[in-house]
Amino acid sequence: GKWQAGAVAFGSTDLPTGRLGYRHVGQVAVGGLVGYA
């Protein structure tokens, strides 16, 4: 109906730089979503 519900997720990462000592960052996250129209 006017409700929506479900799961969401996302990931992020730096790409290679070729720089010595560069600390690459990244994450993976998950969660739940509720919506109403």
PDB file of all heavy atoms in Angstrom:
ATOM      1  N   GLY A   1       0.835  -1.189   0.000  1.00  0.00           N
ATOM      2  CA  GLY A   1       0.000   0.000   0.000  1.00  0.00           C
ATOM      3  C   GLY A   1       0.868   1.237   0.000  1.00  0.00           C
ATOM      4  O   GLY A   1       1.747   1.401  -0.846  1.00  0.00           O
ATOM      5  N   LYS A   2       0.657   2.110   0.970  1.00  0.00           N
ATOM      6  CA  LYS A   2       1.470   3.321   1.073  1.00  0.00           C
ATOM      7  C   LYS A   2       2.754   3.092   1.866  1.00  0.00           C
ATOM      8  O   LYS A   2       3.601   3.985   1.921  1.00  0.00           O
ATOM      9  CB  LYS A   2       0.658   4.448   1.723  1.00  0.00           C
ATOM     10  CG  LYS A   2      -0.475   4.963   0.837  1.00  0.00           C
ATOM     11  CD  LYS A   2      -1.124   6.187   1.442  1.00  0.00           C
ATOM     12  CE  LYS A   2      -2.185   6.769   0.523  1.00  0.00           C
ATOM     13  NZ  LYS A   2      -2.761   8.020   1.062  1.00  0.00           N
ATOM     14  N   TRP A   3       2.907   1.907   2.460  1.00  0.00           N
ATOM     15  CA  TRP A   3       4.107   1.605   3.228  1.00  0.00           C
ATOM     16  C   TRP A   3       5.141   0.905   2.366  1.00  0.00           C
ATOM     17  O   TRP A   3       4.792   0.243   1.385  1.00  0.00           O
ATOM     18  CB  TRP A   3       3.762   0.702   4.412  1.00  0.00           C
ATOM     19  CG  TRP A   3       2.999   1.376   5.507  1.00  0.00           C
ATOM     20  CD1 TRP A   3       1.638   1.424   5.645  1.00  0.00           C
ATOM     21  CD2 TRP A   3       3.538   2.103   6.609  1.00  0.00           C
ATOM     22  NE1 TRP A   3       1.299   2.132   6.763  1.00  0.00           N
ATOM     23  CE2 TRP A   3       2.450   2.562   7.379  1.00  0.00           C
ATOM     24  CE3 TRP A   3       4.838   2.403   7.021  1.00  0.00           C
ATOM     25  CZ2 TRP A   3       2.631   3.313   8.538  1.00  0.00           C
ATOM     26  CZ3 TRP A   3       5.012   3.145   8.186  1.00  0.00           C
ATOM     27  CH2 TRP A   3       3.908   3.597   8.932  1.00  0.00           C
ATOM     28  N   GLN A   4       6.387   1.039   2.729  1.00  0.00           N
ATOM     29  CA  GLN A   4       7.444   0.234   2.137  1.00  0.00           C
ATOM     30  C   GLN A   4       8.429  -0.150   3.237  1.00  0.00           C
ATOM     31  O   GLN A   4       8.604   0.579   4.219  1.00  0.00           O
ATOM     32  CB  GLN A   4       8.178   0.962   1.000  1.00  0.00           C
ATOM     33  CG  GLN A   4       9.186   1.987   1.435  1.00  0.00           C
ATOM     34  CD  GLN A   4       9.948   2.641   0.302  1.00  0.00           C
ATOM     35  OE1 GLN A   4      10.022   3.849   0.242  1.00  0.00           O
ATOM     36  NE2 GLN A   4      10.545   1.877  -0.586  1.00  0.00           N
ATOM     37  N   ALA A   5       9.020  -1.327   3.090  1.00  0.00           N
ATOM     38  CA  ALA A   5       9.968  -1.800   4.090  1.00  0.00           C
ATOM     39  C   ALA A   5      10.947  -2.748   3.414  1.00  0.00           C
ATOM     40  O   ALA A   5      10.630  -3.366   2.390  1.00  0.00           O
ATOM     41  CB  ALA A   5       9.253  -2.495   5.248  1.00  0.00           C
ATOM     42  N   GLY A   6      12.127  -2.854   3.997  1.00  0.00           N
ATOM     43  CA  GLY A   6      13.100  -3.777   3.434  1.00  0.00           C
ATOM     44  C   GLY A   6      14.496  -3.521   3.961  1.00  0.00           C
ATOM     45  O   GLY A   6      14.689  -2.846   4.987  1.00  0.00           O
ATOM     46  N   ALA A   7      15.463  -4.060   3.237  1.00  0.00           N
ATOM     47  CA  ALA A   7      16.861  -4.002   3.651  1.00  0.00           C
ATOM     48  C   ALA A   7      17.665  -3.107   2.712  1.00  0.00           C
ATOM     49  O   ALA A   7      17.359  -2.991   1.523  1.00  0.00           O
ATOM     50  CB  ALA A   7      17.466  -5.407   3.666  1.00  0.00           C
ATOM     51  N   VAL A   8      18.700  -2.495   3.266  1.00  0.00           N
ATOM     52  CA  VAL A   8      19.640  -1.691   2.478  1.00  0.00           C
ATOM     53  C   VAL A   8      21.053  -2.064   2.907  1.00  0.00           C
ATOM     54  O   VAL A   8      21.275  -2.576   4.011  1.00  0.00           O
ATOM     55  CB  VAL A   8      19.400  -0.181   2.662  1.00  0.00           C
ATOM     56  CG1 VAL A   8      18.039   0.230   2.127  1.00  0.00           C
ATOM     57  CG2 VAL A   8      19.543   0.222   4.132  1.00  0.00           C
ATOM     58  N   ALA A   9      22.002  -1.796   2.023  1.00  0.00           N
ATOM     59  CA  ALA A   9      23.407  -2.047   2.328  1.00  0.00           C
ATOM     60  C   ALA A   9      24.261  -1.167   1.432  1.00  0.00           C
ATOM     61  O   ALA A   9      23.812  -0.732   0.362  1.00  0.00           O
ATOM     62  CB  ALA A   9      23.759  -3.521   2.118  1.00  0.00           C
ATOM     63  N   PHE A  10      25.480  -0.910   1.879  1.00  0.00           N
ATOM     64  CA  PHE A  10      26.401  -0.167   1.022  1.00  0.00           C
ATOM     65  C   PHE A  10      27.830  -0.509   1.400  1.00  0.00           C
ATOM     66  O   PHE A  10      28.128  -0.949   2.521  1.00  0.00           O
ATOM     67  CB  PHE A  10      26.168   1.347   1.085  1.00  0.00           C
ATOM     68  CG  PHE A  10      26.333   1.965   2.448  1.00  0.00           C
ATOM     69  CD1 PHE A  10      27.581   2.361   2.915  1.00  0.00           C
ATOM     70  CD2 PHE A  10      25.236   2.196   3.260  1.00  0.00           C
ATOM     71  CE1 PHE A  10      27.738   2.948   4.150  1.00  0.00           C
ATOM     72  CE2 PHE A  10      25.374   2.779   4.518  1.00  0.00           C
ATOM     73  CZ  PHE A  10      26.623   3.159   4.966  1.00  0.00           C
ATOM     74  N   GLY A  11      28.704  -0.303   0.428  1.00  0.00           N
ATOM     75  CA  GLY A  11      30.133  -0.477   0.647  1.00  0.00           C
ATOM     76  C   GLY A  11      30.887   0.638  -0.033  1.00  0.00           C
ATOM     77  O   GLY A  11      30.413   1.231  -1.013  1.00  0.00           O
ATOM     78  N   SER A  12      32.075   0.945   0.476  1.00  0.00           N
ATOM     79  CA  SER A  12      32.909   1.985  -0.131  1.00  0.00           C
ATOM     80  C   SER A  12      34.364   1.600   0.019  1.00  0.00           C
ATOM     81  O   SER A  12      34.753   0.935   0.989  1.00  0.00           O
ATOM     82  CB  SER A  12      32.653   3.348   0.526  1.00  0.00           C
ATOM     83  OG  SER A  12      33.114   3.355   1.868  1.00  0.00           O
ATOM     84  N   THR A  13      35.173   2.034  -0.942  1.00  0.00           N
ATOM     85  CA  THR A  13      36.607   1.777  -0.854  1.00  0.00           C
ATOM     86  C   THR A  13      37.385   2.794  -1.666  1.00  0.00           C
ATOM     87  O   THR A  13      36.916   3.262  -2.717  1.00  0.00           O
ATOM     88  CB  THR A  13      36.950   0.354  -1.357  1.00  0.00           C
ATOM     89  OG1 THR A  13      38.349   0.107  -1.169  1.00  0.00           O
ATOM     90  CG2 THR A  13      36.607   0.186  -2.823  1.00  0.00           C
ATOM     91  N   ASP A  14      38.547   3.166  -1.166  1.00  0.00           N
ATOM     92  CA  ASP A  14      39.511   3.894  -1.982  1.00  0.00           C
ATOM     93  C   ASP A  14      40.094   2.949  -3.019  1.00  0.00           C
ATOM     94  O   ASP A  14      40.194   1.739  -2.786  1.00  0.00           O
ATOM     95  CB  ASP A  14      40.659   4.422  -1.115  1.00  0.00           C
ATOM     96  CG  ASP A  14      40.256   5.621  -0.282  1.00  0.00           C
ATOM     97  OD1 ASP A  14      39.125   6.090  -0.424  1.00  0.00           O
ATOM     98  OD2 ASP A  14      41.089   6.072   0.529  1.00  0.00           O
ATOM     99  N   LEU A  15      40.510   3.487  -4.139  1.00  0.00           N
ATOM    100  CA  LEU A  15      41.169   2.695  -5.168  1.00  0.00           C
ATOM    101  C   LEU A  15      42.682   2.878  -5.064  1.00  0.00           C
ATOM    102  O   LEU A  15      43.163   3.850  -4.472  1.00  0.00           O
ATOM    103  CB  LEU A  15      40.650   3.104  -6.548  1.00  0.00           C
ATOM    104  CG  LEU A  15      39.155   2.837  -6.761  1.00  0.00           C
ATOM    105  CD1 LEU A  15      38.712   3.317  -8.136  1.00  0.00           C
ATOM    106  CD2 LEU A  15      38.814   1.368  -6.567  1.00  0.00           C
ATOM    107  N   PRO A  16      43.459   1.954  -5.609  1.00  0.00           N
ATOM    108  CA  PRO A  16      44.925   2.013  -5.448  1.00  0.00           C
ATOM    109  C   PRO A  16      45.512   3.346  -5.894  1.00  0.00           C
ATOM    110  O   PRO A  16      45.107   3.923  -6.910  1.00  0.00           O
ATOM    111  CB  PRO A  16      45.410   0.860  -6.319  1.00  0.00           C
ATOM    112  CG  PRO A  16      44.266  -0.108  -6.343  1.00  0.00           C
ATOM    113  CD  PRO A  16      43.025   0.744  -6.337  1.00  0.00           C
ATOM    114  N   THR A  17      46.479   3.830  -5.122  1.00  0.00           N
ATOM    115  CA  THR A  17      47.136   5.107  -5.419  1.00  0.00           C
ATOM    116  C   THR A  17      48.579   4.935  -5.866  1.00  0.00           C
ATOM    117  O   THR A  17      49.143   5.834  -6.477  1.00  0.00           O
ATOM    118  CB  THR A  17      47.143   6.008  -4.175  1.00  0.00           C
ATOM    119  OG1 THR A  17      47.929   5.378  -3.152  1.00  0.00           O
ATOM    120  CG2 THR A  17      45.733   6.240  -3.662  1.00  0.00           C
ATOM    121  N   GLY A  18      49.200   3.809  -5.505  1.00  0.00           N
ATOM    122  CA  GLY A  18      50.618   3.634  -5.793  1.00  0.00           C
ATOM    123  C   GLY A  18      51.525   4.437  -4.880  1.00  0.00           C
ATOM    124  O   GLY A  18      52.730   4.539  -5.114  1.00  0.00           O
ATOM    125  N   ARG A  19      50.961   5.023  -3.819  1.00  0.00           N
ATOM    126  CA  ARG A  19      51.740   5.861  -2.909  1.00  0.00           C
ATOM    127  C   ARG A  19      52.132   5.044  -1.678  1.00  0.00           C
ATOM    128  O   ARG A  19      51.282   4.464  -1.007  1.00  0.00           O
ATOM    129  CB  ARG A  19      50.935   7.088  -2.475  1.00  0.00           C
ATOM    130  CG  ARG A  19      50.643   8.057  -3.607  1.00  0.00           C
ATOM    131  CD  ARG A  19      49.793   9.211  -3.094  1.00  0.00           C
ATOM    132  NE  ARG A  19      49.468  10.140  -4.167  1.00  0.00           N
ATOM    133  CZ  ARG A  19      50.198  11.191  -4.495  1.00  0.00           C
ATOM    134  NH1 ARG A  19      51.314  11.444  -3.843  1.00  0.00           N
ATOM    135  NH2 ARG A  19      49.817  11.993  -5.469  1.00  0.00           N
ATOM    136  N   LEU A  20      53.389   5.042  -1.356  1.00  0.00           N
ATOM    137  CA  LEU A  20      53.898   4.321  -0.209  1.00  0.00           C
ATOM    138  C   LEU A  20      53.350   4.942   1.073  1.00  0.00           C
ATOM    139  O   LEU A  20      53.407   6.150   1.270  1.00  0.00           O
ATOM    140  CB  LEU A  20      55.418   4.350  -0.201  1.00  0.00           C
ATOM    141  CG  LEU A  20      56.108   3.541   0.908  1.00  0.00           C
ATOM    142  CD1 LEU A  20      55.816   2.058   0.725  1.00  0.00           C
ATOM    143  CD2 LEU A  20      57.611   3.808   0.893  1.00  0.00           C
ATOM    144  N   GLY A  21      52.793   4.107   1.939  1.00  0.00           N
ATOM    145  CA  GLY A  21      52.298   4.584   3.215  1.00  0.00           C
ATOM    146  C   GLY A  21      50.872   5.089   3.201  1.00  0.00           C
ATOM    147  O   GLY A  21      50.353   5.463   4.255  1.00  0.00           O
ATOM    148  N   TYR A  22      50.230   5.119   2.034  1.00  0.00           N
ATOM    149  CA  TYR A  22      48.842   5.581   1.986  1.00  0.00           C
ATOM    150  C   TYR A  22      47.936   4.571   2.683  1.00  0.00           C
ATOM    151  O   TYR A  22      48.024   3.372   2.431  1.00  0.00           O
ATOM    152  CB  TYR A  22      48.392   5.771   0.536  1.00  0.00           C
ATOM    153  CG  TYR A  22      46.983   6.322   0.414  1.00  0.00           C
ATOM    154  CD1 TYR A  22      46.760   7.685   0.421  1.00  0.00           C
ATOM    155  CD2 TYR A  22      45.898   5.466   0.300  1.00  0.00           C
ATOM    156  CE1 TYR A  22      45.472   8.198   0.321  1.00  0.00           C
ATOM    157  CE2 TYR A  22      44.613   5.964   0.201  1.00  0.00           C
ATOM    158  CZ  TYR A  22      44.404   7.331   0.207  1.00  0.00           C
ATOM    159  OH  TYR A  22      43.132   7.819   0.115  1.00  0.00           O
ATOM    160  N   ARG A  23      47.090   5.043   3.575  1.00  0.00           N
ATOM    161  CA  ARG A  23      46.188   4.164   4.320  1.00  0.00           C
ATOM    162  C   ARG A  23      44.823   4.157   3.652  1.00  0.00           C
ATOM    163  O   ARG A  23      44.035   5.083   3.791  1.00  0.00           O
ATOM    164  CB  ARG A  23      46.068   4.630   5.768  1.00  0.00           C
ATOM    165  CG  ARG A  23      47.363   4.489   6.562  1.00  0.00           C
ATOM    166  CD  ARG A  23      47.156   4.924   7.996  1.00  0.00           C
ATOM    167  NE  ARG A  23      46.908   6.355   8.103  1.00  0.00           N
ATOM    168  CZ  ARG A  23      46.193   6.920   9.075  1.00  0.00           C
ATOM    169  NH1 ARG A  23      45.630   6.172   9.994  1.00  0.00           N
ATOM    170  NH2 ARG A  23      46.046   8.223   9.116  1.00  0.00           N
ATOM    171  N   HIS A  24      44.525   3.108   2.931  1.00  0.00           N
ATOM    172  CA  HIS A  24      43.247   3.002   2.234  1.00  0.00           C
ATOM    173  C   HIS A  24      42.117   2.810   3.239  1.00  0.00           C
ATOM    174  O   HIS A  24      42.271   2.109   4.238  1.00  0.00           O
ATOM    175  CB  HIS A  24      43.269   1.839   1.247  1.00  0.00           C
ATOM    176  CG  HIS A  24      44.174   2.072   0.082  1.00  0.00           C
ATOM    177  ND1 HIS A  24      43.778   2.764  -1.038  1.00  0.00           N
ATOM    178  CD2 HIS A  24      45.462   1.727  -0.129  1.00  0.00           C
ATOM    179  CE1 HIS A  24      44.778   2.828  -1.898  1.00  0.00           C
ATOM    180  NE2 HIS A  24      45.823   2.213  -1.360  1.00  0.00           N
ATOM    181  N   VAL A  25      40.995   3.448   2.950  1.00  0.00           N
ATOM    182  CA  VAL A  25      39.836   3.330   3.833  1.00  0.00           C
ATOM    183  C   VAL A  25      38.701   2.635   3.100  1.00  0.00           C
ATOM    184  O   VAL A  25      38.633   2.648   1.861  1.00  0.00           O
ATOM    185  CB  VAL A  25      39.367   4.709   4.342  1.00  0.00           C
ATOM    186  CG1 VAL A  25      40.470   5.411   5.102  1.00  0.00           C
ATOM    187  CG2 VAL A  25      38.852   5.580   3.199  1.00  0.00           C
ATOM    188  N   GLY A  26      37.812   2.032   3.863  1.00  0.00           N
ATOM    189  CA  GLY A  26      36.645   1.379   3.290  1.00  0.00           C
ATOM    190  C   GLY A  26      35.701   0.920   4.372  1.00  0.00           C
ATOM    191  O   GLY A  26      36.056   0.873   5.555  1.00  0.00           O
ATOM    192  N   GLN A  27      34.486   0.596   3.995  1.00  0.00           N
ATOM    193  CA  GLN A  27      33.496   0.122   4.945  1.00  0.00           C
ATOM    194  C   GLN A  27      32.430  -0.683   4.216  1.00  0.00           C
ATOM    195  O   GLN A  27      32.219  -0.525   3.008  1.00  0.00           O
ATOM    196  CB  GLN A  27      32.840   1.288   5.690  1.00  0.00           C
ATOM    197  CG  GLN A  27      31.958   2.165   4.804  1.00  0.00           C
ATOM    198  CD  GLN A  27      31.417   3.380   5.520  1.00  0.00           C
ATOM    199  OE1 GLN A  27      31.667   4.498   5.100  1.00  0.00           O
ATOM    200  NE2 GLN A  27      30.661   3.177   6.588  1.00  0.00           N
ATOM    201  N   VAL A  28      31.758  -1.543   4.972  1.00  0.00           N
ATOM    202  CA  VAL A  28      30.568  -2.255   4.519  1.00  0.00           C
ATOM    203  C   VAL A  28      29.525  -2.099   5.614  1.00  0.00           C
ATOM    204  O   VAL A  28      29.814  -2.359   6.793  1.00  0.00           O
ATOM    205  CB  VAL A  28      30.849  -3.741   4.250  1.00  0.00           C
ATOM    206  CG1 VAL A  28      29.555  -4.461   3.866  1.00  0.00           C
ATOM    207  CG2 VAL A  28      31.892  -3.912   3.159  1.00  0.00           C
ATOM    208  N   ALA A  29      28.330  -1.655   5.249  1.00  0.00           N
ATOM    209  CA  ALA A  29      27.273  -1.412   6.226  1.00  0.00           C
ATOM    210  C   ALA A  29      25.969  -2.021   5.741  1.00  0.00           C
ATOM    211  O   ALA A  29      25.719  -2.109   4.532  1.00  0.00           O
ATOM    212  CB  ALA A  29      27.100   0.086   6.477  1.00  0.00           C
ATOM    213  N   VAL A  30      25.133  -2.430   6.682  1.00  0.00           N
ATOM    214  CA  VAL A  30      23.818  -2.987   6.367  1.00  0.00           C
ATOM    215  C   VAL A  30      22.793  -2.336   7.287  1.00  0.00           C
ATOM    216  O   VAL A  30      23.135  -1.790   8.350  1.00  0.00           O
ATOM    217  CB  VAL A  30      23.783  -4.518   6.524  1.00  0.00           C
ATOM    218  CG1 VAL A  30      24.762  -5.183   5.574  1.00  0.00           C
ATOM    219  CG2 VAL A  30      24.084  -4.921   7.971  1.00  0.00           C
ATOM    220  N   GLY A  31      21.520  -2.422   6.883  1.00  0.00           N
ATOM    221  CA  GLY A  31      20.479  -1.842   7.718  1.00  0.00           C
ATOM    222  C   GLY A  31      19.092  -2.124   7.189  1.00  0.00           C
ATOM    223  O   GLY A  31      18.911  -2.884   6.236  1.00  0.00           O
ATOM    224  N   GLY A  32      18.099  -1.505   7.814  1.00  0.00           N
ATOM    225  CA  GLY A  32      16.706  -1.666   7.435  1.00  0.00           C
ATOM    226  C   GLY A  32      16.057  -0.330   7.165  1.00  0.00           C
ATOM    227  O   GLY A  32      16.457   0.707   7.741  1.00  0.00           O
ATOM    228  N   LEU A  33      15.066  -0.340   6.282  1.00  0.00           N
ATOM    229  CA  LEU A  33      14.388   0.887   5.841  1.00  0.00           C
ATOM    230  C   LEU A  33      12.880   0.736   5.980  1.00  0.00           C
ATOM    231  O   LEU A  33      12.322  -0.329   5.679  1.00  0.00           O
ATOM    232  CB  LEU A  33      14.755   1.200   4.390  1.00  0.00           C
ATOM    233  CG  LEU A  33      14.106   2.410   3.719  1.00  0.00           C
ATOM    234  CD1 LEU A  33      15.050   3.016   2.672  1.00  0.00           C
ATOM    235  CD2 LEU A  33      12.783   2.040   3.018  1.00  0.00           C
ATOM    236  N   VAL A  34      12.230   1.818   6.391  1.00  0.00           N
ATOM    237  CA  VAL A  34      10.770   1.914   6.414  1.00  0.00           C
ATOM    238  C   VAL A  34      10.388   3.228   5.745  1.00  0.00           C
ATOM    239  O   VAL A  34      11.023   4.265   5.994  1.00  0.00           O
ATOM    240  CB  VAL A  34      10.216   1.864   7.850  1.00  0.00           C
ATOM    241  CG1 VAL A  34       8.708   2.088   7.847  1.00  0.00           C
ATOM    242  CG2 VAL A  34      10.544   0.537   8.509  1.00  0.00           C
ATOM    243  N   GLY A  35       9.367   3.191   4.890  1.00  0.00           N
ATOM    244  CA  GLY A  35       8.911   4.400   4.214  1.00  0.00           C
ATOM    245  C   GLY A  35       7.401   4.486   4.195  1.00  0.00           C
ATOM    246  O   GLY A  35       6.698   3.468   4.354  1.00  0.00           O
ATOM    247  N   TYR A  36       6.888   5.706   4.002  1.00  0.00           N
ATOM    248  CA  TYR A  36       5.438   5.915   3.915  1.00  0.00           C
ATOM    249  C   TYR A  36       5.166   7.012   2.903  1.00  0.00           C
ATOM    250  O   TYR A  36       5.822   8.070   2.921  1.00  0.00           O
ATOM    251  CB  TYR A  36       4.850   6.311   5.271  1.00  0.00           C
ATOM    252  CG  TYR A  36       3.335   6.380   5.261  1.00  0.00           C
ATOM    253  CD1 TYR A  36       2.567   5.227   5.399  1.00  0.00           C
ATOM    254  CD2 TYR A  36       2.680   7.600   5.084  1.00  0.00           C
ATOM    255  CE1 TYR A  36       1.189   5.279   5.383  1.00  0.00           C
ATOM    256  CE2 TYR A  36       1.301   7.674   5.069  1.00  0.00           C
ATOM    257  CZ  TYR A  36       0.547   6.506   5.213  1.00  0.00           C
ATOM    258  OH  TYR A  36      -0.827   6.565   5.182  1.00  0.00           O
ATOM    259  N   ALA A  37       4.207   6.765   2.015  1.00  0.00           N
ATOM    260  CA  ALA A  37       3.851   7.734   0.976  1.00  0.00           C
ATOM    261  C   ALA A  37       2.612   8.506   1.399  1.00  0.00           C
ATOM    262  O   ALA A  37       1.505   7.970   1.429  1.00  0.00           O
ATOM    263  CB  ALA A  37       3.590   7.009  -0.346  1.00  0.00           C
TER     264      ALA A  37
END
